Amino acid sequence: MSPFARRSRQERKIPKRPYRDSAILYAVLAAAIVVVSAATGGDLVRAFLFALGFFAVATAWSWYRWRTRLREGGRP
């Protein structure tokens, strides 16, 4: 098997708190959007609104995928 072969979803362990971990990750990335905008002299209101939209969409998608995966055979 190639060292670059992707592992299947069944081989990867489910985190202890997948919903919380996803929300924290996307909150950090949303904050990075605002920080980069501030550092480059961008419009902070626009960056904040974009970051808020990014956080909402990314978190919702992630939570949907976790719920689906847990229903398919992960732990409850």
PDB file of N, CA and C in Angstrom:
ATOM      1  N   MET A   1       0.844  -1.175   0.000  1.00  0.00           N
ATOM      2  CA  MET A   1       0.000   0.000   0.000  1.00  0.00           C
ATOM      3  C   MET A   1       0.886   1.233   0.000  1.00  0.00           C
ATOM      4  N   SER A   2       0.497   2.219  -0.753  1.00  0.00           N
ATOM      5  CA  SER A   2       1.255   3.447  -0.884  1.00  0.00           C
ATOM      6  C   SER A   2       1.267   4.227   0.429  1.00  0.00           C
ATOM      7  N   PRO A   3       2.398   4.855   0.773  1.00  0.00           N
ATOM      8  CA  PRO A   3       2.429   5.651   1.999  1.00  0.00           C
ATOM      9  C   PRO A   3       1.543   6.889   1.904  1.00  0.00           C
ATOM     10  N   PHE A   4       1.126   7.242   0.695  1.00  0.00           N
ATOM     11  CA  PHE A   4       0.280   8.412   0.499  1.00  0.00           C
ATOM     12  C   PHE A   4      -1.200   8.072   0.373  1.00  0.00           C
ATOM     13  N   ALA A   5      -1.530   6.817   0.517  1.00  0.00           N
ATOM     14  CA  ALA A   5      -2.924   6.383   0.406  1.00  0.00           C
ATOM     15  C   ALA A   5      -3.741   6.998   1.545  1.00  0.00           C
ATOM     16  N   ARG A   6      -4.938   7.397   1.220  1.00  0.00           N
ATOM     17  CA  ARG A   6      -5.818   7.995   2.227  1.00  0.00           C
ATOM     18  C   ARG A   6      -6.427   6.906   3.088  1.00  0.00           C
ATOM     19  N   ARG A   7      -6.519   7.206   4.365  1.00  0.00           N
ATOM     20  CA  ARG A   7      -7.168   6.263   5.271  1.00  0.00           C
ATOM     21  C   ARG A   7      -8.673   6.424   5.131  1.00  0.00           C
ATOM     22  N   SER A   8      -9.375   5.324   5.270  1.00  0.00           N
ATOM     23  CA  SER A   8     -10.827   5.395   5.177  1.00  0.00           C
ATOM     24  C   SER A   8     -11.391   6.022   6.438  1.00  0.00           C
ATOM     25  N   ARG A   9     -12.654   6.458   6.359  1.00  0.00           N
ATOM     26  CA  ARG A   9     -13.296   7.083   7.514  1.00  0.00           C
ATOM     27  C   ARG A   9     -13.399   6.121   8.692  1.00  0.00           C
ATOM     28  N   GLN A  10     -13.541   4.841   8.420  1.00  0.00           N
ATOM     29  CA  GLN A  10     -13.683   3.879   9.495  1.00  0.00           C
ATOM     30  C   GLN A  10     -12.385   3.721  10.285  1.00  0.00           C
ATOM     31  N   GLU A  11     -11.234   3.947   9.662  1.00  0.00           N
ATOM     32  CA  GLU A  11      -9.959   3.807  10.341  1.00  0.00           C
ATOM     33  C   GLU A  11      -9.664   4.981  11.267  1.00  0.00           C
ATOM     34  N   ARG A  12     -10.201   6.163  10.954  1.00  0.00           N
ATOM     35  CA  ARG A  12      -9.940   7.339  11.781  1.00  0.00           C
ATOM     36  C   ARG A  12     -10.801   7.301  13.031  1.00  0.00           C
ATOM     37  N   LYS A  13     -10.212   7.644  14.151  1.00  0.00           N
ATOM     38  CA  LYS A  13     -10.941   7.658  15.406  1.00  0.00           C
ATOM     39  C   LYS A  13     -11.816   8.902  15.492  1.00  0.00           C
ATOM     40  N   ILE A  14     -12.958   8.744  16.127  1.00  0.00           N
ATOM     41  CA  ILE A  14     -13.848   9.871  16.350  1.00  0.00           C
ATOM     42  C   ILE A  14     -13.369  10.588  17.604  1.00  0.00           C
ATOM     43  N   PRO A  15     -13.194  11.912  17.529  1.00  0.00           N
ATOM     44  CA  PRO A  15     -12.753  12.644  18.715  1.00  0.00           C
ATOM     45  C   PRO A  15     -13.754  12.499  19.866  1.00  0.00           C
ATOM     46  N   LYS A  16     -13.287  12.751  21.067  1.00  0.00           N
ATOM     47  CA  LYS A  16     -14.143  12.630  22.240  1.00  0.00           C
ATOM     48  C   LYS A  16     -15.291  13.642  22.188  1.00  0.00           C
ATOM     49  N   ARG A  17     -15.025  14.843  21.741  1.00  0.00           N
ATOM     50  CA  ARG A  17     -16.041  15.900  21.639  1.00  0.00           C
ATOM     51  C   ARG A  17     -15.982  16.533  20.244  1.00  0.00           C
ATOM     52  N   PRO A  18     -16.506  15.871  19.228  1.00  0.00           N
ATOM     53  CA  PRO A  18     -16.355  16.372  17.856  1.00  0.00           C
ATOM     54  C   PRO A  18     -17.054  17.707  17.600  1.00  0.00           C
ATOM     55  N   TYR A  19     -18.219  17.931  18.204  1.00  0.00           N
ATOM     56  CA  TYR A  19     -18.950  19.178  17.959  1.00  0.00           C
ATOM     57  C   TYR A  19     -18.206  20.363  18.549  1.00  0.00           C
ATOM     58  N   ARG A  20     -17.743  20.207  19.783  1.00  0.00           N
ATOM     59  CA  ARG A  20     -17.006  21.289  20.432  1.00  0.00           C
ATOM     60  C   ARG A  20     -15.695  21.571  19.697  1.00  0.00           C
ATOM     61  N   ASP A  21     -14.978  20.528  19.331  1.00  0.00           N
ATOM     62  CA  ASP A  21     -13.706  20.693  18.643  1.00  0.00           C
ATOM     63  C   ASP A  21     -13.885  21.418  17.310  1.00  0.00           C
ATOM     64  N   SER A  22     -14.943  21.081  16.586  1.00  0.00           N
ATOM     65  CA  SER A  22     -15.212  21.748  15.315  1.00  0.00           C
ATOM     66  C   SER A  22     -15.503  23.227  15.524  1.00  0.00           C
ATOM     67  N   ALA A  23     -16.319  23.533  16.516  1.00  0.00           N
ATOM     68  CA  ALA A  23     -16.671  24.933  16.791  1.00  0.00           C
ATOM     69  C   ALA A  23     -15.430  25.735  17.178  1.00  0.00           C
ATOM     70  N   ILE A  24     -14.556  25.149  17.993  1.00  0.00           N
ATOM     71  CA  ILE A  24     -13.333  25.855  18.394  1.00  0.00           C
ATOM     72  C   ILE A  24     -12.426  26.094  17.193  1.00  0.00           C
ATOM     73  N   LEU A  25     -12.247  25.085  16.364  1.00  0.00           N
ATOM     74  CA  LEU A  25     -11.399  25.233  15.180  1.00  0.00           C
ATOM     75  C   LEU A  25     -11.903  26.355  14.284  1.00  0.00           C
ATOM     76  N   TYR A  26     -13.198  26.368  13.987  1.00  0.00           N
ATOM     77  CA  TYR A  26     -13.728  27.387  13.089  1.00  0.00           C
ATOM     78  C   TYR A  26     -13.778  28.767  13.739  1.00  0.00           C
ATOM     79  N   ALA A  27     -13.887  28.840  15.064  1.00  0.00           N
ATOM     80  CA  ALA A  27     -13.811  30.135  15.745  1.00  0.00           C
ATOM     81  C   ALA A  27     -12.399  30.710  15.623  1.00  0.00           C
ATOM     82  N   VAL A  28     -11.396  29.853  15.753  1.00  0.00           N
ATOM     83  CA  VAL A  28     -10.011  30.306  15.604  1.00  0.00           C
ATOM     84  C   VAL A  28      -9.754  30.780  14.176  1.00  0.00           C
ATOM     85  N   LEU A  29     -10.252  30.042  13.204  1.00  0.00           N
ATOM     86  CA  LEU A  29     -10.068  30.455  11.812  1.00  0.00           C
ATOM     87  C   LEU A  29     -10.814  31.750  11.503  1.00  0.00           C
ATOM     88  N   ALA A  30     -12.007  31.923  12.075  1.00  0.00           N
ATOM     89  CA  ALA A  30     -12.752  33.168  11.885  1.00  0.00           C
ATOM     90  C   ALA A  30     -11.999  34.338  12.516  1.00  0.00           C
ATOM     91  N   ALA A  31     -11.420  34.122  13.687  1.00  0.00           N
ATOM     92  CA  ALA A  31     -10.624  35.173  14.323  1.00  0.00           C
ATOM     93  C   ALA A  31      -9.403  35.511  13.469  1.00  0.00           C
ATOM     94  N   ALA A  32      -8.821  34.509  12.840  1.00  0.00           N
ATOM     95  CA  ALA A  32      -7.668  34.747  11.969  1.00  0.00           C
ATOM     96  C   ALA A  32      -8.061  35.628  10.784  1.00  0.00           C
ATOM     97  N   ILE A  33      -9.264  35.457  10.266  1.00  0.00           N
ATOM     98  CA  ILE A  33      -9.738  36.306   9.167  1.00  0.00           C
ATOM     99  C   ILE A  33      -9.759  37.764   9.610  1.00  0.00           C
ATOM    100  N   VAL A  34     -10.281  38.015  10.804  1.00  0.00           N
ATOM    101  CA  VAL A  34     -10.360  39.385  11.314  1.00  0.00           C
ATOM    102  C   VAL A  34      -8.961  39.937  11.587  1.00  0.00           C
ATOM    103  N   VAL A  35      -8.086  39.121  12.162  1.00  0.00           N
ATOM    104  CA  VAL A  35      -6.723  39.572  12.465  1.00  0.00           C
ATOM    105  C   VAL A  35      -5.960  39.910  11.188  1.00  0.00           C
ATOM    106  N   VAL A  36      -6.069  39.076  10.192  1.00  0.00           N
ATOM    107  CA  VAL A  36      -5.375  39.340   8.919  1.00  0.00           C
ATOM    108  C   VAL A  36      -5.929  40.606   8.275  1.00  0.00           C
ATOM    109  N   SER A  37      -7.216  40.791   8.339  1.00  0.00           N
ATOM    110  CA  SER A  37      -7.810  41.999   7.785  1.00  0.00           C
ATOM    111  C   SER A  37      -7.303  43.247   8.515  1.00  0.00           C
ATOM    112  N   ALA A  38      -7.240  43.176   9.836  1.00  0.00           N
ATOM    113  CA  ALA A  38      -6.740  44.313  10.615  1.00  0.00           C
ATOM    114  C   ALA A  38      -5.268  44.583  10.313  1.00  0.00           C
ATOM    115  N   ALA A  39      -4.492  43.514  10.179  1.00  0.00           N
ATOM    116  CA  ALA A  39      -3.054  43.664   9.923  1.00  0.00           C
ATOM    117  C   ALA A  39      -2.769  44.247   8.547  1.00  0.00           C
ATOM    118  N   THR A  40      -3.664  44.002   7.599  1.00  0.00           N
ATOM    119  CA  THR A  40      -3.445  44.501   6.241  1.00  0.00           C
ATOM    120  C   THR A  40      -4.209  45.781   5.952  1.00  0.00           C
ATOM    121  N   GLY A  41      -4.880  46.324   6.970  1.00  0.00           N
ATOM    122  CA  GLY A  41      -5.580  47.593   6.786  1.00  0.00           C
ATOM    123  C   GLY A  41      -6.937  47.457   6.124  1.00  0.00           C
ATOM    124  N   GLY A  42      -7.547  46.301   6.220  1.00  0.00           N
ATOM    125  CA  GLY A  42      -8.850  46.074   5.599  1.00  0.00           C
ATOM    126  C   GLY A  42      -9.985  46.626   6.440  1.00  0.00           C
ATOM    127  N   ASP A  43     -11.163  46.573   5.885  1.00  0.00           N
ATOM    128  CA  ASP A  43     -12.375  47.031   6.564  1.00  0.00           C
ATOM    129  C   ASP A  43     -12.755  46.000   7.629  1.00  0.00           C
ATOM    130  N   LEU A  44     -12.680  46.384   8.900  1.00  0.00           N
ATOM    131  CA  LEU A  44     -12.920  45.438   9.986  1.00  0.00           C
ATOM    132  C   LEU A  44     -14.377  44.999  10.087  1.00  0.00           C
ATOM    133  N   VAL A  45     -15.306  45.876   9.778  1.00  0.00           N
ATOM    134  CA  VAL A  45     -16.721  45.497   9.838  1.00  0.00           C
ATOM    135  C   VAL A  45     -17.001  44.432   8.787  1.00  0.00           C
ATOM    136  N   ARG A  46     -16.501  44.645   7.606  1.00  0.00           N
ATOM    137  CA  ARG A  46     -16.696  43.671   6.527  1.00  0.00           C
ATOM    138  C   ARG A  46     -16.000  42.349   6.866  1.00  0.00           C
ATOM    139  N   ALA A  47     -14.798  42.426   7.422  1.00  0.00           N
ATOM    140  CA  ALA A  47     -14.075  41.214   7.804  1.00  0.00           C
ATOM    141  C   ALA A  47     -14.819  40.471   8.902  1.00  0.00           C
ATOM    142  N   PHE A  48     -15.366  41.197   9.877  1.00  0.00           N
ATOM    143  CA  PHE A  48     -16.105  40.556  10.962  1.00  0.00           C
ATOM    144  C   PHE A  48     -17.351  39.860  10.421  1.00  0.00           C
ATOM    145  N   LEU A  49     -18.067  40.517   9.522  1.00  0.00           N
ATOM    146  CA  LEU A  49     -19.270  39.905   8.944  1.00  0.00           C
ATOM    147  C   LEU A  49     -18.912  38.669   8.113  1.00  0.00           C
ATOM    148  N   PHE A  50     -17.836  38.757   7.360  1.00  0.00           N
ATOM    149  CA  PHE A  50     -17.386  37.602   6.578  1.00  0.00           C
ATOM    150  C   PHE A  50     -16.982  36.461   7.507  1.00  0.00           C
ATOM    151  N   ALA A  51     -16.236  36.783   8.564  1.00  0.00           N
ATOM    152  CA  ALA A  51     -15.798  35.762   9.522  1.00  0.00           C
ATOM    153  C   ALA A  51     -16.993  35.123  10.219  1.00  0.00           C
ATOM    154  N   LEU A  52     -17.984  35.921  10.569  1.00  0.00           N
ATOM    155  CA  LEU A  52     -19.188  35.400  11.205  1.00  0.00           C
ATOM    156  C   LEU A  52     -19.928  34.445  10.258  1.00  0.00           C
ATOM    157  N   GLY A  53     -20.052  34.828   8.999  1.00  0.00           N
ATOM    158  CA  GLY A  53     -20.676  33.959   8.008  1.00  0.00           C
ATOM    159  C   GLY A  53     -19.888  32.680   7.800  1.00  0.00           C
ATOM    160  N   PHE A  54     -18.559  32.815   7.718  1.00  0.00           N
ATOM    161  CA  PHE A  54     -17.708  31.638   7.581  1.00  0.00           C
ATOM    162  C   PHE A  54     -17.900  30.693   8.753  1.00  0.00           C
ATOM    163  N   PHE A  55     -17.881  31.228   9.972  1.00  0.00           N
ATOM    164  CA  PHE A  55     -18.040  30.405  11.167  1.00  0.00           C
ATOM    165  C   PHE A  55     -19.375  29.669  11.150  1.00  0.00           C
ATOM    166  N   ALA A  56     -20.445  30.377  10.824  1.00  0.00           N
ATOM    167  CA  ALA A  56     -21.778  29.773  10.837  1.00  0.00           C
ATOM    168  C   ALA A  56     -21.893  28.644   9.808  1.00  0.00           C
ATOM    169  N   VAL A  57     -21.458  28.899   8.590  1.00  0.00           N
ATOM    170  CA  VAL A  57     -21.583  27.898   7.521  1.00  0.00           C
ATOM    171  C   VAL A  57     -20.656  26.704   7.777  1.00  0.00           C
ATOM    172  N   ALA A  58     -19.410  26.969   8.126  1.00  0.00           N
ATOM    173  CA  ALA A  58     -18.450  25.885   8.343  1.00  0.00           C
ATOM    174  C   ALA A  58     -18.844  25.019   9.539  1.00  0.00           C
ATOM    175  N   THR A  59     -19.294  25.654  10.616  1.00  0.00           N
ATOM    176  CA  THR A  59     -19.698  24.895  11.798  1.00  0.00           C
ATOM    177  C   THR A  59     -20.949  24.072  11.506  1.00  0.00           C
ATOM    178  N   ALA A  60     -21.916  24.661  10.825  1.00  0.00           N
ATOM    179  CA  ALA A  60     -23.138  23.923  10.495  1.00  0.00           C
ATOM    180  C   ALA A  60     -22.821  22.713   9.618  1.00  0.00           C
ATOM    181  N   TRP A  61     -21.981  22.902   8.622  1.00  0.00           N
ATOM    182  CA  TRP A  61     -21.618  21.787   7.733  1.00  0.00           C
ATOM    183  C   TRP A  61     -20.886  20.696   8.515  1.00  0.00           C
ATOM    184  N   SER A  62     -19.947  21.103   9.351  1.00  0.00           N
ATOM    185  CA  SER A  62     -19.193  20.144  10.135  1.00  0.00           C
ATOM    186  C   SER A  62     -20.098  19.367  11.083  1.00  0.00           C
ATOM    187  N   TRP A  63     -20.993  20.055  11.748  1.00  0.00           N
ATOM    188  CA  TRP A  63     -21.903  19.382  12.669  1.00  0.00           C
ATOM    189  C   TRP A  63     -22.834  18.423  11.925  1.00  0.00           C
ATOM    190  N   TYR A  64     -23.287  18.816  10.744  1.00  0.00           N
ATOM    191  CA  TYR A  64     -24.121  17.936   9.930  1.00  0.00           C
ATOM    192  C   TYR A  64     -23.354  16.652   9.571  1.00  0.00           C
ATOM    193  N   ARG A  65     -22.090  16.815   9.163  1.00  0.00           N
ATOM    194  CA  ARG A  65     -21.286  15.656   8.787  1.00  0.00           C
ATOM    195  C   ARG A  65     -20.996  14.769   9.990  1.00  0.00           C
ATOM    196  N   TRP A  66     -20.732  15.343  11.175  1.00  0.00           N
ATOM    197  CA  TRP A  66     -20.513  14.545  12.371  1.00  0.00           C
ATOM    198  C   TRP A  66     -21.764  13.772  12.736  1.00  0.00           C
ATOM    199  N   ARG A  67     -22.914  14.444  12.672  1.00  0.00           N
ATOM    200  CA  ARG A  67     -24.165  13.773  13.017  1.00  0.00           C
ATOM    201  C   ARG A  67     -24.409  12.591  12.083  1.00  0.00           C
ATOM    202  N   THR A  68     -24.170  12.802  10.795  1.00  0.00           N
ATOM    203  CA  THR A  68     -24.346  11.734   9.817  1.00  0.00           C
ATOM    204  C   THR A  68     -23.389  10.579  10.100  1.00  0.00           C
ATOM    205  N   ARG A  69     -22.145  10.907  10.367  1.00  0.00           N
ATOM    206  CA  ARG A  69     -21.142   9.856  10.618  1.00  0.00           C
ATOM    207  C   ARG A  69     -21.460   9.082  11.896  1.00  0.00           C
ATOM    208  N   LEU A  70     -21.876   9.772  12.931  1.00  0.00           N
ATOM    209  CA  LEU A  70     -22.200   9.085  14.179  1.00  0.00           C
ATOM    210  C   LEU A  70     -23.421   8.188  14.030  1.00  0.00           C
ATOM    211  N   ARG A  71     -24.379   8.605  13.221  1.00  0.00           N
ATOM    212  CA  ARG A  71     -25.559   7.769  12.984  1.00  0.00           C
ATOM    213  C   ARG A  71     -25.233   6.536  12.161  1.00  0.00           C
ATOM    214  N   GLU A  72     -24.236   6.647  11.276  1.00  0.00           N
ATOM    215  CA  GLU A  72     -23.872   5.521  10.410  1.00  0.00           C
ATOM    216  C   GLU A  72     -23.149   4.406  11.146  1.00  0.00           C
ATOM    217  N   GLY A  73     -22.689   4.644  12.328  1.00  0.00           N
ATOM    218  CA  GLY A  73     -22.024   3.549  13.020  1.00  0.00           C
ATOM    219  C   GLY A  73     -20.978   3.984  14.023  1.00  0.00           C
ATOM    220  N   GLY A  74     -20.873   5.262  14.249  1.00  0.00           N
ATOM    221  CA  GLY A  74     -19.943   5.715  15.280  1.00  0.00           C
ATOM    222  C   GLY A  74     -20.575   5.547  16.649  1.00  0.00           C
ATOM    223  N   ARG A  75     -19.896   6.014  17.631  1.00  0.00           N
ATOM    224  CA  ARG A  75     -20.467   5.923  18.979  1.00  0.00           C
ATOM    225  C   ARG A  75     -21.579   6.950  19.138  1.00  0.00           C
ATOM    226  N   PRO A  76     -22.547   6.711  20.019  1.00  0.00           N
ATOM    227  CA  PRO A  76     -23.673   7.631  20.178  1.00  0.00           C
ATOM    228  C   PRO A  76     -23.279   8.948  20.794  1.00  0.00           C
TER     229      PRO A  76
END
